[in-house]
Amino acid sequence: MDTAIVETNRCFVCGNRAVLEVPLEGLRAWQNGELIQVALPEMSAGERELLISGVHEHCWAQMVREDEEDEDE
């Protein structure tokens, strides 16, 4: 299976980028309009979100915690 190395956008929470190895056929399908979960089912939801938005899984968790804390106040 051919793969591509993809550098993500900067995460708007921490400002860092990530680098992922992605199946080339799935990447092309996604770039051509296929839903990412259909094009890249072997990747985790967190990895797919990282490709879409650049936000790391742990950064999403941090935002959710902060939102829940704000709701409790």
Protein backbone atom coordinates (compact mmCIF):
# COMPACT_ATOMS: atom_id res chain seq x y z
CA MET A 1 0.00 0.00 0.00
CA ASP A 2 1.38 3.39 -1.00
CA THR A 3 1.31 6.12 1.61
CA ALA A 4 1.77 9.87 1.73
CA ILE A 5 3.33 11.96 4.49
CA VAL A 6 0.99 14.85 5.31
CA GLU A 7 1.82 17.85 7.49
CA THR A 8 -1.33 19.24 9.09
CA ASN A 9 -2.41 22.82 9.57
CA ARG A 10 -1.39 24.46 12.83
CA CYS A 11 -3.57 23.47 15.76
CA PHE A 12 -5.48 26.56 16.90
CA VAL A 13 -5.21 25.38 20.52
CA CYS A 14 -1.47 24.67 20.91
CA GLY A 15 -0.07 26.12 17.68
CA ASN A 16 1.80 22.94 16.70
CA ARG A 17 1.58 20.93 13.51
CA ALA A 18 1.51 17.17 13.16
CA VAL A 19 2.83 14.81 10.52
CA LEU A 20 0.79 11.75 9.55
CA GLU A 21 1.43 8.84 7.24
CA VAL A 22 -1.79 8.38 5.27
CA PRO A 23 -2.85 5.74 2.73
CA LEU A 24 -2.42 7.49 -0.62
CA GLU A 25 -5.53 6.07 -2.27
CA GLY A 26 -7.73 7.18 0.65
CA LEU A 27 -6.12 10.60 0.77
CA ARG A 28 -6.83 11.14 -2.92
CA ALA A 29 -10.42 9.95 -2.49
CA TRP A 30 -10.95 12.42 0.39
CA GLN A 31 -9.34 15.26 -1.57
CA ASN A 32 -11.74 14.46 -4.44
CA GLY A 33 -14.81 14.85 -2.23
CA GLU A 34 -15.31 11.48 -0.53
CA LEU A 35 -16.29 11.66 3.14
CA ILE A 36 -13.13 11.27 5.19
CA GLN A 37 -14.58 8.42 7.29
CA VAL A 38 -15.34 6.53 4.06
CA ALA A 39 -12.04 7.37 2.35
CA LEU A 40 -9.83 6.65 5.38
CA PRO A 41 -11.67 4.15 7.62
CA GLU A 42 -8.39 2.66 8.89
CA MET A 43 -7.52 5.92 10.61
CA SER A 44 -8.93 6.81 14.02
CA ALA A 45 -11.50 9.57 14.40
CA GLY A 46 -8.82 11.67 16.12
CA GLU A 47 -6.39 11.21 13.23
CA ARG A 48 -9.06 12.13 10.71
CA GLU A 49 -9.95 15.26 12.69
CA LEU A 50 -6.28 16.15 12.76
CA LEU A 51 -6.24 16.00 8.95
CA ILE A 52 -9.40 18.10 8.67
CA SER A 53 -8.73 20.83 11.22
CA GLY A 54 -5.19 20.40 12.53
CA VAL A 55 -6.50 20.07 16.10
CA HIS A 56 -4.88 17.30 18.15
CA GLU A 57 -7.03 14.83 20.05
CA HIS A 58 -5.64 15.98 23.41
CA CYS A 59 -6.33 19.62 22.47
CA TRP A 60 -10.00 18.76 21.71
CA ALA A 61 -10.20 17.09 25.12
CA GLN A 62 -8.75 20.22 26.74
CA MET A 63 -11.33 22.44 25.00
CA VAL A 64 -14.18 20.16 26.10
CA ARG A 65 -12.97 20.25 29.71
CA GLU A 66 -12.73 24.04 29.61
CA ASP A 67 -16.25 24.31 28.13
CA GLU A 68 -17.64 22.01 30.84
CA GLU A 69 -15.91 24.07 33.54
CA ASP A 70 -17.39 27.27 32.08
CA GLU A 71 -20.89 25.70 32.15
CA ASP A 72 -20.46 24.75 35.82
CA GLU A 73 -19.72 28.34 36.86
